[in-house]
Amino acid sequence: MIIETRTPEETFELGKKLGGRALPGQIYTLVGDLGVGKTVFTQGVAAGLGITEPICSPTFTIIQEYETGRLPFYHFDVYRIGDIEEMEEIGYDDYFFGQGICLIEWANLIEEILPENIIQVTIEKDLEKGFDYRKITITGSGLEE
């Protein structure tokens, strides 16, 4: 499915809708250039899970865990991963195959360890359509319209 948003608030609300529908064990991959709205989208997913604490990108820690929502939420930012072994060191498989929700920013950098059943979210800008315009493409298994 392709959704177009025209404000950060709309991008947030789309994430919130997905978070509200999220099921245990789902993995969302999130790909998009710097400044495209990945963190805003992620904040929406967290809100949809009922998480009220501040959400920021774990660029330097690789993973941030949130346990206060209706399901555990594991937010990965693998932008600075130099080697897949770093993912093994943090025990990624415990997260990927657990009962929480994983959202992985820059997931294209760790494609070789991603399970088959993921939900892929790609966010793209198109400045010709406006500064805040985003084209958000969501594909994968586990999606319900």
Protein backbone atom coordinates (compact mmCIF):
# COMPACT_ATOMS: atom_id res chain seq x y z
CA MET A 1 0.00 0.00 0.00
CA ILE A 2 1.13 3.55 -0.71
CA ILE A 3 0.10 6.43 1.54
CA GLU A 4 0.89 10.07 0.92
CA THR A 5 1.26 12.44 3.85
CA ARG A 6 1.66 16.18 3.66
CA THR A 7 2.55 17.08 7.25
CA PRO A 8 4.65 15.55 10.03
CA GLU A 9 1.39 15.13 11.97
CA GLU A 10 -0.06 12.94 9.21
CA THR A 11 3.13 10.84 9.17
CA PHE A 12 2.86 10.48 12.96
CA GLU A 13 -0.82 9.46 12.70
CA LEU A 14 -0.01 6.80 10.12
CA GLY A 15 2.61 5.35 12.46
CA LYS A 16 0.10 5.52 15.33
CA LYS A 17 -2.46 3.60 13.27
CA LEU A 18 0.09 0.85 12.56
CA GLY A 19 1.17 0.74 16.19
CA GLY A 20 -2.45 0.36 17.25
CA ARG A 21 -2.78 -2.71 15.00
CA ALA A 22 0.64 -4.20 15.76
CA LEU A 23 0.76 -7.82 16.86
CA PRO A 24 3.33 -9.65 19.01
CA GLY A 25 6.39 -10.70 17.06
CA GLN A 26 5.98 -8.29 14.15
CA ILE A 27 9.08 -6.71 12.67
CA TYR A 28 8.84 -3.39 10.84
CA THR A 29 11.77 -2.31 8.71
CA LEU A 30 12.06 1.41 8.11
CA VAL A 31 14.10 2.81 5.24
CA GLY A 32 14.49 6.39 4.09
CA ASP A 33 17.07 9.12 3.71
CA LEU A 34 18.22 11.31 6.60
CA GLY A 35 15.56 13.83 7.57
CA VAL A 36 12.71 12.02 5.82
CA GLY A 37 10.63 11.47 8.97
CA LYS A 38 11.62 8.03 10.26
CA THR A 39 11.69 9.23 13.86
CA VAL A 40 8.31 10.97 13.56
CA PHE A 41 6.83 7.79 12.10
CA THR A 42 8.42 5.74 14.92
CA GLN A 43 7.02 8.11 17.54
CA GLY A 44 3.60 7.46 16.03
CA VAL A 45 4.07 3.68 16.23
CA ALA A 46 5.04 4.02 19.89
CA ALA A 47 1.97 6.18 20.57
CA GLY A 48 -0.19 3.53 18.93
CA LEU A 49 1.28 1.00 21.35
CA GLY A 50 0.35 3.27 24.27
CA ILE A 51 3.91 4.37 25.04
CA THR A 52 3.99 7.88 26.47
CA GLU A 53 7.69 8.33 27.19
CA PRO A 54 9.83 10.32 24.73
CA ILE A 55 11.01 8.39 21.68
CA CYS A 56 14.28 9.33 20.02
CA SER A 57 16.46 7.51 17.55
CA PRO A 58 19.00 5.17 19.23
CA THR A 59 21.71 6.04 16.72
CA PHE A 60 24.59 5.50 19.14
CA THR A 61 23.09 2.74 21.32
CA ILE A 62 21.67 0.69 18.40
CA ILE A 63 18.57 -0.32 20.38
CA GLN A 64 16.14 1.36 22.74
CA GLU A 65 13.65 -0.77 24.67
CA TYR A 66 10.22 0.44 25.77
CA GLU A 67 8.20 -1.80 28.08
CA THR A 68 5.37 0.57 29.09
CA GLY A 69 2.95 -0.01 26.20
CA ARG A 70 0.52 -2.81 25.48
CA LEU A 71 3.42 -4.74 23.90
CA PRO A 72 7.19 -4.39 24.35
CA PHE A 73 8.63 -2.08 21.68
CA TYR A 74 12.21 -2.49 20.45
CA HIS A 75 13.46 0.43 18.38
CA PHE A 76 16.66 -0.28 16.46
CA ASP A 77 18.78 2.21 14.54
CA VAL A 78 21.46 0.25 12.70
CA TYR A 79 22.90 3.19 10.74
CA ARG A 80 26.22 2.90 12.58
CA ILE A 81 26.49 -0.90 12.46
CA GLY A 82 29.89 -1.70 11.01
CA ASP A 83 29.49 -5.46 11.00
CA ILE A 84 26.66 -7.95 11.46
CA GLU A 85 28.59 -9.36 14.43
CA GLU A 86 27.57 -6.22 16.35
CA MET A 87 23.94 -7.31 15.99
CA GLU A 88 24.86 -10.76 17.28
CA GLU A 89 26.59 -9.17 20.27
CA ILE A 90 23.39 -7.40 21.32
CA GLY A 91 21.38 -10.59 20.90
CA TYR A 92 19.18 -9.38 18.06
CA ASP A 93 17.46 -12.76 17.68
CA ASP A 94 15.96 -12.48 21.18
CA TYR A 95 14.24 -9.32 19.99
CA PHE A 96 13.39 -10.46 16.46
CA PHE A 97 11.81 -13.70 17.63
CA GLY A 98 10.26 -12.49 20.88
CA GLN A 99 6.78 -11.29 21.73
CA GLY A 100 7.42 -7.58 21.27
CA ILE A 101 7.36 -5.31 18.23
CA CYS A 102 10.65 -4.49 16.49
CA LEU A 103 11.09 -1.39 14.37
CA ILE A 104 14.44 -1.21 12.58
CA GLU A 105 15.66 2.04 11.03
CA TRP A 106 18.14 1.61 8.15
CA ALA A 107 17.16 -2.07 7.95
CA ASN A 108 18.62 -2.33 4.45
CA LEU A 109 22.06 -2.42 6.14
CA ILE A 110 21.30 -5.74 7.88
CA GLU A 111 19.18 -7.47 5.23
CA GLU A 112 21.07 -10.74 5.53
CA ILE A 113 19.82 -11.36 9.10
CA LEU A 114 16.22 -10.20 8.67
CA PRO A 115 13.52 -12.88 8.87
CA GLU A 116 11.29 -13.41 5.83
CA ASN A 117 8.06 -12.24 7.43
CA ILE A 118 8.66 -8.54 7.88
CA ILE A 119 6.65 -5.42 7.20
CA GLN A 120 8.66 -3.03 5.05
CA VAL A 121 8.12 0.72 5.38
CA THR A 122 9.86 3.05 2.94
CA ILE A 123 9.56 6.82 3.34
CA GLU A 124 10.46 9.10 0.44
CA LYS A 125 10.41 12.86 -0.08
CA ASP A 126 9.37 14.66 -3.24
CA LEU A 127 10.19 18.34 -2.89
CA GLU A 128 8.24 19.13 -6.04
CA LYS A 129 5.10 18.17 -4.10
CA GLY A 130 6.06 20.22 -1.02
CA PHE A 131 8.63 20.32 1.76
CA ASP A 132 6.61 18.07 4.10
CA TYR A 133 5.22 15.71 1.45
CA ARG A 134 6.07 12.05 2.05
CA LYS A 135 5.33 8.93 0.02
CA ILE A 136 5.15 6.01 2.42
CA THR A 137 5.14 2.52 0.94
CA ILE A 138 4.19 -0.35 3.24
CA THR A 139 4.51 -3.97 2.12
CA GLY A 140 4.90 -7.35 3.72
CA SER A 141 3.21 -10.05 5.66
CA GLY A 142 0.98 -9.51 8.65
CA LEU A 143 -0.68 -6.42 7.26
CA GLU A 144 -4.42 -6.10 7.50
CA GLU A 145 -6.18 -3.38 5.60
